[in-house]
Amino acid sequence: MTEVFLTQYSGKIVGPVAKLLGYLMNWIFELLNVFGIPNVGLSIILFTILIYLLLLPLTIKQQKFSKLQSKMNPEIQAIQAKYKGKTDNNSMLAQQEEIKAVYGKYGVSQTGSCLQLIIQMPILFALYRVIYSIPAYVTRIGDTFGVLADKIISTDGGSFIINSDVSSIASAVNQYKNNLTDANLTNGIIDVLNKLSSADLQTISDHYGLADLTYNGSLILSNDTTTGLIDRYNSFLGLNLGNSPSFVMQDAIASKSFILFIAAIIIPILAGLTQWINVKLMPTQSTNEKADPNDQQAQMMQSMKTMNLMMPLFSVFMCYSFPMGVGLYWVAGAVVRTIQQIVINKHIDSIDIDAEIEKNQEKYKKKLEKRKEQTANMMKYANMNTKNISDVTSKNLSETNKSEAVNKAKNVYASGNIRKDSLLARANMVKEYDEKNNNK
């Protein structure tokens, strides 16, 4: 089996994460293939469940923080009311210190669950990237499309696709035009093929004569009697995950098919509904109704409410426009999050929050005591250094005084103003005696 590296996402942060998740997705697909069910839909569901299970500890920490924050919000709002309208530096610093003390008392950081979000966001974005470009991460699917790409390139270098006047094909080509170069032509053609509807893929198959191409002895594209590998990979509950609901809706209108109409709207509706349920189950923080609307926290809470209202509508739009595989991931993710949220809510409700707060307060006290001890040790060390510096300075000063005394004695001796009974006079007599003896 060859290793496929197509146009994987190359972002500096999300790119490496997507590559790691791609290995996981490839492993899941190969595992399903061992059981004879190599299916993109099942792979997406298992992949999504596994990722959200791995993120569960971070999710629980987030929910705990939200619960604790709802408890301490009244205290924070009281502090904000106390300093309302005071914009001088001392008042702002005092407010910040008091709020910091409240967070410390409850044993949570002011950054809250930011760390959890920082960890989760690249993973969730990478998850979407893998689902959106499956042939770039799942070797078997990439190889299957690769057989088609090789035939296309050997025929006319992909000219029919690149210069197509079919709007949907042209749109896919435009999306990957930077990859449709001599160096990346195979990868670019595979990416374009992966984004095409079954009708567009049939158009290309008819032009290039791809109907008889096989991969590992199996037909790649479906015909009247045999289901091809690509359709096997993409088929899920009768839906072709490679088609977008908008494309299926056009078919439904053209053929006046009620079944196709239901197929077109089922995933977008499920996406919006599951997202709405997920939002409703999310814990909300209590806010003071009399709070200043210009207050930063009040503005943030209002933005969160607006986003929660918009998310279900955004989900419907996204899942209607993109291939159904992306929509299935969206629905699977929302369902998993909903189940997780129900379990987490029950778990958190069973926790004695007051006991949790007391435990956090004890931790905070120990932390303060440790910090005071560290500060005392630092002060002690600083005082020791100061004493050493003082000792050295005193020693230097005493040496200076000695030198000055010697110089003063020399000057007195040189001037001749010496008392005969003084120690200096006697020293002078000894010196003169020694000089005379030395001269002899």
Protein backbone atom coordinates (compact mmCIF):
# COMPACT_ATOMS: atom_id res chain seq x y z
CA MET A 1 0.00 0.00 0.00
CA THR A 2 1.46 3.36 -1.00
CA GLU A 3 1.50 6.37 1.30
CA VAL A 4 -0.61 9.23 -0.02
CA PHE A 5 0.23 12.85 0.73
CA LEU A 6 -2.21 14.96 -1.19
CA THR A 7 -3.06 18.56 -0.43
CA GLN A 8 -3.14 18.19 3.32
CA TYR A 9 -3.78 21.38 5.23
CA SER A 10 -0.42 23.10 5.78
CA GLY A 11 -1.19 25.59 8.57
CA LYS A 12 1.57 25.89 11.18
CA ILE A 13 -0.70 25.00 14.12
CA VAL A 14 -3.72 23.16 12.69
CA GLY A 15 -1.71 21.43 9.93
CA PRO A 16 0.39 19.11 12.18
CA VAL A 17 -2.69 18.34 14.32
CA ALA A 18 -4.69 17.48 11.18
CA LYS A 19 -1.89 15.17 10.07
CA LEU A 20 -2.00 13.27 13.38
CA LEU A 21 -5.79 13.05 13.25
CA GLY A 22 -5.45 11.88 9.63
CA TYR A 23 -3.44 8.87 10.80
CA LEU A 24 -6.26 8.07 13.23
CA MET A 25 -8.90 8.44 10.52
CA ASN A 26 -6.88 6.21 8.20
CA TRP A 27 -6.58 3.57 10.94
CA ILE A 28 -10.35 3.58 11.55
CA PHE A 29 -11.09 3.24 7.82
CA GLU A 30 -8.63 0.35 7.47
CA LEU A 31 -10.13 -1.35 10.53
CA LEU A 32 -13.60 -1.13 8.96
CA ASN A 33 -12.14 -2.48 5.71
CA VAL A 34 -10.89 -5.57 7.60
CA PHE A 35 -14.55 -6.23 8.53
CA GLY A 36 -15.64 -5.64 4.92
CA ILE A 37 -17.34 -2.26 5.54
CA PRO A 38 -14.91 0.43 4.30
CA ASN A 39 -17.35 3.30 4.70
CA VAL A 40 -16.70 7.04 5.04
CA GLY A 41 -19.90 7.65 7.02
CA LEU A 42 -19.12 5.04 9.69
CA SER A 43 -15.52 6.25 9.83
CA ILE A 44 -16.66 9.84 10.41
CA ILE A 45 -19.00 8.80 13.23
CA LEU A 46 -16.40 6.62 15.00
CA PHE A 47 -13.71 9.23 14.43
CA THR A 48 -15.88 12.01 15.91
CA ILE A 49 -16.90 9.92 18.94
CA LEU A 50 -13.29 8.99 19.68
CA ILE A 51 -12.02 12.59 19.44
CA TYR A 52 -14.75 13.96 21.72
CA LEU A 53 -14.10 11.18 24.25
CA LEU A 54 -10.43 12.18 24.31
CA LEU A 55 -11.50 15.81 24.90
CA LEU A 56 -13.92 14.84 27.69
CA PRO A 57 -11.59 15.70 30.63
CA LEU A 58 -11.09 19.22 29.23
CA THR A 59 -14.84 19.59 28.70
CA ILE A 60 -15.55 18.63 32.32
CA LYS A 61 -13.03 21.22 33.53
CA GLN A 62 -14.77 23.86 31.44
CA GLN A 63 -18.17 22.99 32.90
CA LYS A 64 -16.83 23.04 36.45
CA PHE A 65 -15.40 26.49 35.83
CA SER A 66 -18.77 27.71 34.51
CA LYS A 67 -20.53 26.35 37.59
CA LEU A 68 -18.08 28.03 39.95
CA GLN A 69 -18.20 31.25 37.99
CA SER A 70 -21.97 31.41 38.31
CA LYS A 71 -21.43 31.26 42.10
CA MET A 72 -18.86 34.02 42.25
CA ASN A 73 -20.42 36.34 39.68
CA PRO A 74 -22.52 38.22 42.31
CA GLU A 75 -19.35 39.04 44.26
CA ILE A 76 -17.55 40.23 41.14
CA GLN A 77 -20.54 42.33 40.10
CA ALA A 78 -20.63 43.88 43.60
CA ILE A 79 -16.97 44.87 43.28
CA GLN A 80 -17.60 46.34 39.84
CA ALA A 81 -20.54 48.32 41.23
CA LYS A 82 -18.34 49.56 44.11
CA TYR A 83 -15.81 51.05 41.69
CA LYS A 84 -18.30 52.13 39.05
CA GLY A 85 -17.33 55.45 37.49
CA LYS A 86 -13.89 55.47 39.13
CA THR A 87 -11.32 55.61 36.38
CA ASP A 88 -8.25 56.76 38.32
CA ASN A 89 -5.30 54.40 38.37
CA ASN A 90 -5.51 53.59 42.10
CA SER A 91 -9.20 52.63 41.90
CA MET A 92 -8.65 50.47 38.82
CA LEU A 93 -5.74 48.67 40.48
CA ALA A 94 -7.76 48.18 43.67
CA GLN A 95 -10.71 46.76 41.69
CA GLN A 96 -8.40 44.40 39.85
CA GLU A 97 -6.86 43.18 43.11
CA GLU A 98 -10.26 42.58 44.73
CA ILE A 99 -11.54 40.64 41.71
CA LYS A 100 -8.32 38.64 41.66
CA ALA A 101 -8.87 37.79 45.34
CA VAL A 102 -12.40 36.52 44.55
CA TYR A 103 -11.08 34.24 41.81
CA GLY A 104 -8.40 33.02 44.21
CA LYS A 105 -10.96 32.36 46.94
CA TYR A 106 -12.94 30.11 44.60
CA GLY A 107 -9.78 28.41 43.40
CA VAL A 108 -10.09 29.30 39.71
CA SER A 109 -7.94 31.30 37.36
CA GLN A 110 -9.06 34.59 35.84
CA THR A 111 -8.31 33.11 32.44
CA GLY A 112 -10.97 30.51 33.27
CA SER A 113 -11.20 27.78 30.68
CA CYS A 114 -9.04 29.60 28.15
CA LEU A 115 -6.36 26.91 28.36
CA GLN A 116 -8.91 24.20 27.60
CA LEU A 117 -10.20 26.20 24.63
CA ILE A 118 -6.68 26.84 23.37
CA ILE A 119 -6.07 23.08 23.39
CA GLN A 120 -9.45 22.15 21.91
CA MET A 121 -9.77 24.68 19.10
CA PRO A 122 -6.86 23.45 16.92
CA ILE A 123 -8.12 19.87 17.37
CA LEU A 124 -11.68 20.75 16.31
CA PHE A 125 -10.48 22.78 13.31
CA ALA A 126 -8.14 19.95 12.33
CA LEU A 127 -11.02 17.48 12.68
CA TYR A 128 -12.99 19.47 10.11
CA ARG A 129 -9.98 19.64 7.78
CA VAL A 130 -9.60 15.84 7.80
CA ILE A 131 -13.31 15.29 7.11
CA TYR A 132 -13.31 17.88 4.32
CA SER A 133 -10.29 16.35 2.51
CA ILE A 134 -10.55 12.63 3.26
CA PRO A 135 -8.51 11.39 0.22
CA ALA A 136 -5.58 13.46 1.51
CA TYR A 137 -5.56 11.56 4.81
CA VAL A 138 -7.08 8.13 4.10
CA THR A 139 -4.62 6.18 1.94
CA ARG A 140 -7.07 3.70 0.41
CA ILE A 141 -9.46 6.43 -0.78
CA GLY A 142 -6.58 8.55 -2.08
CA ASP A 143 -5.18 5.58 -4.04
CA THR A 144 -8.62 4.84 -5.51
CA PHE A 145 -8.99 8.39 -6.80
CA GLY A 146 -5.33 8.25 -7.87
CA VAL A 147 -6.08 5.60 -10.51
CA LEU A 148 -8.66 7.95 -12.07
CA ALA A 149 -6.25 10.91 -11.87
CA ASP A 150 -3.46 8.99 -13.63
CA LYS A 151 -5.79 8.06 -16.51
CA ILE A 152 -7.03 11.65 -16.84
CA ILE A 153 -3.50 13.12 -16.86
CA SER A 154 -2.22 10.56 -19.37
CA THR A 155 -5.11 11.44 -21.72
CA ASP A 156 -4.95 15.25 -21.94
CA GLY A 157 -3.16 16.45 -18.82
CA GLY A 158 -6.51 17.22 -17.15
CA SER A 159 -7.36 19.89 -19.74
CA PHE A 160 -11.03 18.88 -19.98
CA ILE A 161 -11.47 19.32 -16.24
CA ILE A 162 -9.33 22.43 -15.81
CA ASN A 163 -11.07 24.26 -18.67
CA SER A 164 -14.57 22.91 -17.99
CA ASP A 165 -17.51 25.24 -18.59
CA VAL A 166 -19.69 23.29 -16.09
CA SER A 167 -20.07 25.71 -13.15
CA SER A 168 -19.78 23.08 -10.39
CA ILE A 169 -16.63 21.58 -11.93
CA ALA A 170 -15.17 25.03 -12.54
CA SER A 171 -15.86 25.94 -8.90
CA ALA A 172 -13.93 22.90 -7.65
CA VAL A 173 -11.09 23.64 -10.07
CA ASN A 174 -10.93 27.25 -8.87
CA GLN A 175 -10.70 26.04 -5.28
CA TYR A 176 -7.60 23.96 -6.06
CA LYS A 177 -6.11 25.98 -8.91
CA ASN A 178 -2.84 26.49 -6.99
CA ASN A 179 -2.38 22.70 -6.87
CA LEU A 180 -3.15 22.09 -10.55
CA THR A 181 0.48 22.66 -11.57
CA ASP A 182 2.94 20.22 -13.10
CA ALA A 183 4.44 19.41 -9.69
CA ASN A 184 1.09 18.80 -7.96
CA LEU A 185 -1.20 17.94 -10.87
CA THR A 186 -2.10 14.44 -9.65
CA ASN A 187 -2.94 15.68 -6.16
CA GLY A 188 -4.91 18.61 -7.56
CA ILE A 189 -6.99 16.38 -9.86
CA ILE A 190 -7.74 14.01 -6.95
CA ASP A 191 -8.90 16.94 -4.80
CA VAL A 192 -11.16 18.20 -7.59
CA LEU A 193 -12.65 14.73 -8.18
CA ASN A 194 -13.34 14.38 -4.46
CA LYS A 195 -15.38 17.60 -4.46
CA LEU A 196 -17.54 16.72 -7.50
CA SER A 197 -21.10 15.47 -7.38
CA SER A 198 -21.91 12.02 -8.75
CA ALA A 199 -23.38 13.65 -11.90
CA ASP A 200 -20.20 15.67 -12.59
CA LEU A 201 -18.08 12.60 -11.91
CA GLN A 202 -20.17 10.68 -14.46
CA THR A 203 -19.61 13.47 -17.03
CA ILE A 204 -15.85 13.20 -16.56
CA SER A 205 -15.99 9.40 -16.65
CA ASP A 206 -17.82 9.46 -19.99
CA HIS A 207 -15.30 11.89 -21.48
CA TYR A 208 -12.16 10.02 -20.34
CA GLY A 209 -13.52 6.47 -20.48
CA LEU A 210 -13.04 5.74 -16.78
CA ALA A 211 -15.87 3.20 -16.45
CA ASP A 212 -13.64 0.11 -16.65
CA LEU A 213 -10.87 1.29 -14.30
CA THR A 214 -10.29 -0.87 -11.21
CA TYR A 215 -8.44 -0.66 -7.91
CA ASN A 216 -7.34 -3.94 -6.28
CA GLY A 217 -9.61 -5.78 -8.71
CA SER A 218 -12.78 -3.76 -7.97
CA LEU A 219 -14.49 -1.23 -10.23
CA ILE A 220 -13.89 2.33 -9.08
CA LEU A 221 -17.00 3.92 -10.62
CA SER A 222 -20.48 2.42 -10.57
CA ASN A 223 -22.26 1.14 -13.67
CA ASP A 224 -25.72 -0.28 -14.28
CA THR A 225 -24.88 -3.62 -12.65
CA THR A 226 -22.06 -2.97 -10.17
CA THR A 227 -21.59 -0.44 -7.37
CA GLY A 228 -18.16 1.16 -7.69
CA LEU A 229 -15.71 1.63 -4.83
CA ILE A 230 -16.25 5.39 -4.56
CA ASP A 231 -20.01 4.95 -4.18
CA ARG A 232 -19.40 2.15 -1.66
CA TYR A 233 -17.13 4.41 0.32
CA ASN A 234 -19.57 7.34 0.24
CA SER A 235 -22.89 5.53 0.63
CA PHE A 236 -24.50 5.98 4.05
CA LEU A 237 -28.14 5.06 4.73
CA GLY A 238 -28.90 5.52 1.04
CA LEU A 239 -27.21 8.94 0.88
CA ASN A 240 -24.14 9.71 -1.21
CA LEU A 241 -21.93 11.66 1.19
CA GLY A 242 -19.99 13.11 -1.74
CA ASN A 243 -23.06 15.08 -2.87
CA SER A 244 -24.19 18.28 -1.20
CA PRO A 245 -27.84 18.71 -0.10
CA SER A 246 -28.11 21.67 -2.47
CA PHE A 247 -27.21 19.39 -5.40
CA VAL A 248 -29.69 16.72 -4.24
CA MET A 249 -32.37 19.41 -3.90
CA GLN A 250 -31.85 20.41 -7.54
CA ASP A 251 -32.28 16.76 -8.55
CA ALA A 252 -35.40 16.51 -6.38
CA ILE A 253 -36.96 19.56 -8.04
CA ALA A 254 -36.03 18.37 -11.53
CA SER A 255 -37.40 14.85 -10.97
CA LYS A 256 -40.21 15.93 -8.63
CA SER A 257 -39.05 13.25 -6.21
CA PHE A 258 -40.31 13.53 -2.62
CA ILE A 259 -37.72 10.97 -1.43
CA LEU A 260 -34.86 13.05 -2.86
CA PHE A 261 -36.39 16.16 -1.27
CA ILE A 262 -36.31 14.45 2.17
CA ALA A 263 -32.75 13.27 1.50
CA ALA A 264 -31.75 16.83 0.66
CA ILE A 265 -33.06 18.40 3.85
CA ILE A 266 -32.56 15.63 6.42
CA ILE A 267 -28.92 16.37 7.30
CA PRO A 268 -29.25 20.21 7.41
CA ILE A 269 -32.37 19.92 9.62
CA LEU A 270 -30.67 17.40 11.91
CA ALA A 271 -27.62 19.65 12.09
CA GLY A 272 -29.68 22.67 13.14
CA LEU A 273 -31.81 20.68 15.60
CA THR A 274 -28.92 18.91 17.32
CA GLN A 275 -26.98 22.17 17.52
CA TRP A 276 -30.00 23.91 19.14
CA ILE A 277 -30.36 21.09 21.70
CA ASN A 278 -26.63 21.26 22.39
CA VAL A 279 -26.81 25.02 23.02
CA LYS A 280 -29.82 24.62 25.34
CA LEU A 281 -27.97 22.07 27.46
CA MET A 282 -24.89 24.24 27.84
CA PRO A 283 -24.59 25.83 31.32
CA THR A 284 -25.22 29.58 31.38
CA GLN A 285 -23.77 32.09 33.79
CA SER A 286 -26.08 34.22 35.87
CA THR A 287 -25.88 37.94 35.25
CA ASN A 288 -27.14 40.96 37.11
CA GLU A 289 -30.13 42.38 35.26
CA LYS A 290 -29.23 45.86 36.58
CA ALA A 291 -25.69 45.58 35.33
CA ASP A 292 -24.37 48.38 33.20
CA PRO A 293 -24.89 47.40 29.52
CA ASN A 294 -21.53 49.01 28.76
CA ASP A 295 -19.83 46.70 31.24
CA GLN A 296 -17.35 44.36 29.51
CA GLN A 297 -18.72 41.20 31.11
CA ALA A 298 -22.32 42.13 30.23
CA GLN A 299 -21.28 42.75 26.63
CA MET A 300 -19.48 39.39 26.51
CA MET A 301 -22.54 37.58 27.85
CA GLN A 302 -24.78 39.28 25.30
CA SER A 303 -22.38 38.26 22.51
CA MET A 304 -22.52 34.66 23.76
CA LYS A 305 -26.33 34.68 23.69
CA THR A 306 -26.33 36.05 20.13
CA MET A 307 -23.82 33.42 19.01
CA ASN A 308 -25.87 30.64 20.62
CA LEU A 309 -28.91 31.79 18.66
CA MET A 310 -26.99 32.00 15.40
CA MET A 311 -25.16 28.67 15.65
CA PRO A 312 -28.16 26.44 14.73
CA LEU A 313 -28.93 28.64 11.69
CA PHE A 314 -25.27 28.63 10.70
CA SER A 315 -25.23 24.82 11.00
CA VAL A 316 -28.21 24.53 8.62
CA PHE A 317 -26.53 26.79 6.05
CA MET A 318 -23.15 25.00 6.25
CA CYS A 319 -24.63 21.52 6.00
CA TYR A 320 -26.86 22.49 3.07
CA SER A 321 -23.96 23.93 1.05
CA PHE A 322 -21.17 21.44 1.77
CA PRO A 323 -20.97 17.72 0.91
CA MET A 324 -23.10 15.50 3.13
CA GLY A 325 -19.95 13.99 4.65
CA VAL A 326 -19.23 17.34 6.31
CA GLY A 327 -22.87 17.55 7.39
CA LEU A 328 -22.69 14.05 8.90
CA TYR A 329 -19.64 15.10 10.91
CA TRP A 330 -21.52 18.21 12.07
CA VAL A 331 -24.51 16.14 13.20
CA ALA A 332 -22.36 13.42 14.80
CA GLY A 333 -20.37 16.04 16.69
CA ALA A 334 -23.52 17.76 17.98
CA VAL A 335 -25.06 14.43 19.06
CA VAL A 336 -21.88 13.38 20.89
CA ARG A 337 -21.63 16.80 22.59
CA THR A 338 -25.30 16.59 23.61
CA ILE A 339 -24.85 13.16 25.19
CA GLN A 340 -21.67 14.34 26.87
CA GLN A 341 -23.43 17.44 28.16
CA ILE A 342 -26.27 15.43 29.70
CA VAL A 343 -23.76 13.15 31.48
CA ILE A 344 -21.58 16.09 32.56
CA ASN A 345 -24.58 18.06 33.85
CA LYS A 346 -25.65 15.09 35.98
CA HIS A 347 -22.09 14.66 37.23
CA ILE A 348 -21.69 18.33 38.13
CA ASP A 349 -25.16 18.48 39.73
CA SER A 350 -24.11 15.58 41.97
CA ILE A 351 -21.05 17.54 43.12
CA ASP A 352 -21.38 19.57 46.32
CA ILE A 353 -20.29 22.93 44.90
CA ASP A 354 -19.99 24.49 48.36
CA ALA A 355 -17.65 21.66 49.41
CA GLU A 356 -15.73 22.13 46.16
CA ILE A 357 -15.41 25.85 46.92
CA GLU A 358 -14.17 25.12 50.47
CA LYS A 359 -11.61 22.70 49.07
CA ASN A 360 -10.47 25.31 46.55
CA GLN A 361 -10.26 27.92 49.30
CA GLU A 362 -7.98 25.62 51.34
CA LYS A 363 -5.79 25.15 48.28
CA TYR A 364 -5.74 28.92 47.79
CA LYS A 365 -4.72 29.52 51.44
CA LYS A 366 -1.90 27.00 51.15
CA LYS A 367 -0.83 28.66 47.92
CA LEU A 368 -0.78 32.07 49.63
CA GLU A 369 1.19 30.68 52.57
CA LYS A 370 3.69 29.09 50.21
CA ARG A 371 3.96 32.36 48.31
CA LYS A 372 4.55 34.26 51.60
CA GLU A 373 7.22 31.73 52.58
CA GLN A 374 8.93 32.14 49.22
CA THR A 375 8.76 35.92 49.58
CA ALA A 376 10.23 35.70 53.13
CA ASN A 377 13.07 33.50 51.87
CA MET A 378 13.76 35.92 49.07
CA MET A 379 13.82 38.85 51.54
CA LYS A 380 16.14 36.88 53.86
CA TYR A 381 18.47 36.13 50.97
CA ALA A 382 18.33 39.78 49.90
CA ASN A 383 19.18 40.93 53.46
CA MET A 384 22.11 38.50 53.59
CA ASN A 385 23.42 39.92 50.34
CA THR A 386 22.92 43.45 51.68
CA LYS A 387 24.88 42.55 54.88
CA ASN A 388 27.71 41.10 52.81
CA ILE A 389 27.80 44.24 50.72
CA SER A 390 27.82 46.38 53.92
CA ASP A 391 30.66 44.30 55.41
CA VAL A 392 32.74 44.67 52.26
CA THR A 393 32.01 48.40 52.17
CA SER A 394 32.96 48.79 55.86
CA LYS A 395 36.16 46.87 55.28
CA ASN A 396 36.99 49.05 52.31
CA LEU A 397 36.28 52.16 54.38
CA SER A 398 38.53 50.95 57.26
CA GLU A 399 41.34 50.29 54.77
CA THR A 400 40.82 53.79 53.41
CA ASN A 401 40.99 55.26 56.93
CA LYS A 402 44.23 53.39 57.63
CA SER A 403 45.76 54.73 54.46
CA GLU A 404 44.69 58.26 55.33
CA ALA A 405 46.19 57.93 58.86
CA VAL A 406 49.53 56.75 57.47
CA ASN A 407 49.62 59.63 55.00
CA LYS A 408 48.78 62.10 57.77
CA ALA A 409 51.60 60.74 59.99
CA LYS A 410 54.05 61.06 57.10
CA ASN A 411 53.00 64.65 56.55
CA VAL A 412 53.44 65.51 60.27
CA TYR A 413 56.83 63.85 60.37
CA ALA A 414 57.92 65.70 57.23
CA SER A 415 56.89 69.07 58.69
CA GLY A 416 59.00 68.54 61.85
CA ASN A 417 56.12 69.44 64.19
CA ILE A 418 56.54 66.35 66.38
CA ARG A 419 56.21 66.14 70.16
CA LYS A 420 59.39 64.61 71.65
CA ASP A 421 57.44 62.27 73.92
CA SER A 422 55.12 61.07 71.17
CA LEU A 423 55.16 57.60 69.67
CA LEU A 424 55.93 59.14 66.27
CA ALA A 425 59.05 60.86 67.70
CA ARG A 426 60.30 57.57 69.15
CA ALA A 427 59.62 55.84 65.88
CA ASN A 428 61.61 58.55 64.16
CA MET A 429 64.55 58.04 66.53
CA VAL A 430 64.55 54.30 65.76
CA LYS A 431 64.42 55.05 62.04
CA GLU A 432 67.39 57.50 62.21
CA TYR A 433 69.43 55.01 64.26
CA ASP A 434 68.83 52.28 61.71
CA GLU A 435 69.78 54.59 58.81
CA LYS A 436 73.08 55.52 60.49
CA ASN A 437 74.04 51.89 61.17
CA ASN A 438 73.17 50.98 57.58
CA ASN A 439 75.39 53.77 56.25
CA LYS A 440 78.38 52.49 58.26
